[in-house]
Amino acid sequence: MASAHGGAVAVSDVVVKEHAEGWHAFTRFVTAGIIAVVLLLLMFLAHFALGWGFSMFLMIVGDIILVLALLLGKV
């Protein structure tokens, strides 16, 4: 129980920084995954209006842009 300690537990700044860096990496991974799934769903939706070939082209271009954004740290 938290109240059994009688006060706040001391936590090292190094541990807090490592946790924050890990959390940031995880949120970048999840954001990239969500964007990739949205691109896939948009491709499935676009194939009705544009056809499979152009939809695949747009998805590949979107994936390339996503990878470049990840490499540049924009996502």
N, C-alpha and C. Protein backbone atom coordinates (compact mmCIF):
# COMPACT_ATOMS: atom_id res chain seq x y z
N MET A 1 0.83 -1.18 0.00
CA MET A 1 0.00 0.00 0.00
C MET A 1 0.88 1.24 0.00
N ALA A 2 0.46 2.23 -0.71
CA ALA A 2 1.25 3.45 -0.83
C ALA A 2 1.31 4.20 0.49
N SER A 3 0.27 4.13 1.28
CA SER A 3 0.26 4.89 2.53
C SER A 3 1.14 4.25 3.60
N ALA A 4 1.56 3.01 3.41
CA ALA A 4 2.37 2.32 4.41
C ALA A 4 3.79 2.88 4.47
N HIS A 5 4.23 3.57 3.44
CA HIS A 5 5.59 4.12 3.42
C HIS A 5 5.73 5.35 4.30
N GLY A 6 4.66 6.03 4.52
CA GLY A 6 4.71 7.21 5.34
C GLY A 6 5.19 8.45 4.61
N GLY A 7 5.42 8.37 3.33
CA GLY A 7 5.85 9.53 2.56
C GLY A 7 6.13 9.16 1.12
N ALA A 8 6.64 10.10 0.39
CA ALA A 8 6.93 9.86 -1.01
C ALA A 8 8.17 8.98 -1.15
N VAL A 9 8.14 8.12 -2.15
CA VAL A 9 9.27 7.24 -2.42
C VAL A 9 10.25 7.99 -3.32
N ALA A 10 11.51 7.99 -2.96
CA ALA A 10 12.53 8.67 -3.76
C ALA A 10 12.83 7.85 -5.01
N VAL A 11 12.83 8.52 -6.15
CA VAL A 11 13.11 7.87 -7.43
C VAL A 11 14.26 8.62 -8.09
N SER A 12 15.19 7.86 -8.60
CA SER A 12 16.36 8.44 -9.25
C SER A 12 15.95 9.18 -10.53
N ASP A 13 16.61 10.29 -10.80
CA ASP A 13 16.36 11.04 -12.03
C ASP A 13 16.73 10.22 -13.26
N VAL A 14 17.72 9.36 -13.14
CA VAL A 14 18.13 8.50 -14.25
C VAL A 14 17.01 7.54 -14.62
N VAL A 15 16.36 6.97 -13.61
CA VAL A 15 15.25 6.03 -13.86
C VAL A 15 14.10 6.76 -14.53
N VAL A 16 13.81 7.96 -14.07
CA VAL A 16 12.72 8.74 -14.66
C VAL A 16 13.04 9.07 -16.12
N LYS A 17 14.27 9.45 -16.41
CA LYS A 17 14.67 9.79 -17.78
C LYS A 17 14.59 8.57 -18.69
N GLU A 18 15.04 7.40 -18.21
CA GLU A 18 14.97 6.17 -19.01
C GLU A 18 13.52 5.80 -19.29
N HIS A 19 12.67 5.95 -18.29
CA HIS A 19 11.25 5.63 -18.48
C HIS A 19 10.63 6.58 -19.51
N ALA A 20 10.95 7.86 -19.43
CA ALA A 20 10.40 8.83 -20.37
C ALA A 20 10.87 8.54 -21.79
N GLU A 21 12.14 8.18 -21.96
CA GLU A 21 12.66 7.86 -23.30
C GLU A 21 11.99 6.61 -23.85
N GLY A 22 11.79 5.60 -23.01
CA GLY A 22 11.11 4.39 -23.45
C GLY A 22 9.67 4.66 -23.84
N TRP A 23 9.01 5.50 -23.06
CA TRP A 23 7.61 5.84 -23.35
C TRP A 23 7.52 6.61 -24.67
N HIS A 24 8.46 7.50 -24.92
CA HIS A 24 8.47 8.27 -26.17
C HIS A 24 8.65 7.34 -27.36
N ALA A 25 9.55 6.37 -27.25
CA ALA A 25 9.77 5.41 -28.34
C ALA A 25 8.51 4.58 -28.59
N PHE A 26 7.83 4.18 -27.52
CA PHE A 26 6.61 3.39 -27.66
C PHE A 26 5.51 4.19 -28.35
N THR A 27 5.34 5.45 -27.96
CA THR A 27 4.29 6.25 -28.58
C THR A 27 4.59 6.53 -30.05
N ARG A 28 5.88 6.67 -30.40
CA ARG A 28 6.23 6.83 -31.83
C ARG A 28 5.87 5.57 -32.60
N PHE A 29 6.14 4.39 -32.01
CA PHE A 29 5.82 3.12 -32.65
C PHE A 29 4.31 2.98 -32.86
N VAL A 30 3.54 3.31 -31.84
CA VAL A 30 2.08 3.19 -31.94
C VAL A 30 1.53 4.19 -32.96
N THR A 31 2.05 5.41 -32.96
CA THR A 31 1.60 6.41 -33.93
C THR A 31 1.89 5.96 -35.36
N ALA A 32 3.07 5.42 -35.60
CA ALA A 32 3.41 4.92 -36.93
C ALA A 32 2.50 3.76 -37.32
N GLY A 33 2.18 2.89 -36.38
CA GLY A 33 1.27 1.78 -36.66
C GLY A 33 -0.12 2.25 -37.02
N ILE A 34 -0.61 3.24 -36.31
CA ILE A 34 -1.94 3.78 -36.60
C ILE A 34 -1.96 4.43 -37.98
N ILE A 35 -0.92 5.17 -38.31
CA ILE A 35 -0.85 5.80 -39.64
C ILE A 35 -0.80 4.74 -40.73
N ALA A 36 -0.05 3.66 -40.52
CA ALA A 36 0.04 2.59 -41.52
C ALA A 36 -1.31 1.91 -41.71
N VAL A 37 -2.04 1.68 -40.64
CA VAL A 37 -3.37 1.05 -40.75
C VAL A 37 -4.34 1.99 -41.47
N VAL A 38 -4.29 3.27 -41.16
CA VAL A 38 -5.15 4.24 -41.85
C VAL A 38 -4.83 4.27 -43.34
N LEU A 39 -3.55 4.22 -43.70
CA LEU A 39 -3.18 4.17 -45.12
C LEU A 39 -3.75 2.93 -45.80
N LEU A 40 -3.69 1.80 -45.12
CA LEU A 40 -4.25 0.56 -45.68
C LEU A 40 -5.76 0.68 -45.88
N LEU A 41 -6.46 1.21 -44.89
CA LEU A 41 -7.91 1.37 -45.01
C LEU A 41 -8.27 2.37 -46.10
N LEU A 42 -7.50 3.44 -46.22
CA LEU A 42 -7.75 4.40 -47.30
C LEU A 42 -7.52 3.77 -48.67
N MET A 43 -6.53 2.88 -48.78
CA MET A 43 -6.30 2.20 -50.04
C MET A 43 -7.51 1.33 -50.40
N PHE A 44 -8.03 0.61 -49.41
CA PHE A 44 -9.21 -0.23 -49.67
C PHE A 44 -10.40 0.62 -50.08
N LEU A 45 -10.54 1.78 -49.48
CA LEU A 45 -11.64 2.67 -49.83
C LEU A 45 -11.42 3.30 -51.20
N ALA A 46 -10.20 3.68 -51.51
CA ALA A 46 -9.89 4.37 -52.77
C ALA A 46 -9.99 3.44 -53.97
N HIS A 47 -9.87 2.14 -53.77
CA HIS A 47 -9.88 1.26 -54.94
C HIS A 47 -11.23 1.26 -55.64
N PHE A 48 -12.30 1.63 -54.93
CA PHE A 48 -13.62 1.71 -55.57
C PHE A 48 -13.67 2.84 -56.59
N ALA A 49 -13.05 3.96 -56.27
CA ALA A 49 -13.09 5.12 -57.15
C ALA A 49 -11.94 5.15 -58.15
N LEU A 50 -10.78 4.66 -57.74
CA LEU A 50 -9.58 4.83 -58.55
C LEU A 50 -9.07 3.55 -59.20
N GLY A 51 -9.48 2.42 -58.70
CA GLY A 51 -8.95 1.15 -59.18
C GLY A 51 -7.78 0.71 -58.32
N TRP A 52 -7.45 -0.59 -58.39
CA TRP A 52 -6.42 -1.15 -57.52
C TRP A 52 -5.03 -0.60 -57.80
N GLY A 53 -4.70 -0.42 -59.07
CA GLY A 53 -3.35 0.01 -59.41
C GLY A 53 -2.99 1.36 -58.82
N PHE A 54 -3.86 2.35 -59.04
CA PHE A 54 -3.58 3.69 -58.54
C PHE A 54 -3.66 3.72 -57.01
N SER A 55 -4.56 2.94 -56.44
CA SER A 55 -4.67 2.88 -54.98
C SER A 55 -3.40 2.30 -54.36
N MET A 56 -2.86 1.25 -54.98
CA MET A 56 -1.60 0.67 -54.48
C MET A 56 -0.47 1.68 -54.60
N PHE A 57 -0.44 2.41 -55.71
CA PHE A 57 0.58 3.44 -55.90
C PHE A 57 0.51 4.49 -54.79
N LEU A 58 -0.70 4.95 -54.50
CA LEU A 58 -0.86 5.96 -53.44
C LEU A 58 -0.46 5.40 -52.08
N MET A 59 -0.75 4.13 -51.83
CA MET A 59 -0.38 3.54 -50.55
C MET A 59 1.14 3.42 -50.43
N ILE A 60 1.79 3.01 -51.50
CA ILE A 60 3.25 2.88 -51.47
C ILE A 60 3.90 4.25 -51.26
N VAL A 61 3.38 5.26 -51.94
CA VAL A 61 3.90 6.62 -51.74
C VAL A 61 3.67 7.06 -50.30
N GLY A 62 2.50 6.77 -49.75
CA GLY A 62 2.21 7.11 -48.36
C GLY A 62 3.14 6.39 -47.39
N ASP A 63 3.44 5.13 -47.67
CA ASP A 63 4.36 4.38 -46.80
C ASP A 63 5.77 4.95 -46.88
N ILE A 64 6.20 5.35 -48.07
CA ILE A 64 7.52 5.96 -48.20
C ILE A 64 7.59 7.27 -47.42
N ILE A 65 6.54 8.08 -47.52
CA ILE A 65 6.50 9.34 -46.77
C ILE A 65 6.51 9.06 -45.27
N LEU A 66 5.78 8.03 -44.83
CA LEU A 66 5.76 7.66 -43.41
C LEU A 66 7.16 7.25 -42.93
N VAL A 67 7.85 6.44 -43.71
CA VAL A 67 9.20 6.01 -43.32
C VAL A 67 10.15 7.20 -43.26
N LEU A 68 10.06 8.09 -44.24
CA LEU A 68 10.91 9.28 -44.22
C LEU A 68 10.61 10.16 -43.01
N ALA A 69 9.33 10.31 -42.67
CA ALA A 69 8.97 11.11 -41.50
C ALA A 69 9.49 10.47 -40.23
N LEU A 70 9.45 9.14 -40.16
CA LEU A 70 9.99 8.45 -38.99
C LEU A 70 11.50 8.65 -38.89
N LEU A 71 12.19 8.54 -40.01
CA LEU A 71 13.64 8.70 -39.99
C LEU A 71 14.06 10.12 -39.62
N LEU A 72 13.25 11.09 -40.01
CA LEU A 72 13.55 12.49 -39.69
C LEU A 72 13.05 12.90 -38.31
N GLY A 73 12.32 12.00 -37.65
CA GLY A 73 11.82 12.30 -36.31
C GLY A 73 10.59 13.19 -36.29
N LYS A 74 9.85 13.24 -37.37
CA LYS A 74 8.66 14.10 -37.44
C LYS A 74 7.42 13.41 -36.89
N VAL A 75 7.47 12.11 -36.71
CA VAL A 75 6.32 11.37 -36.16
C VAL A 75 6.64 10.99 -34.73
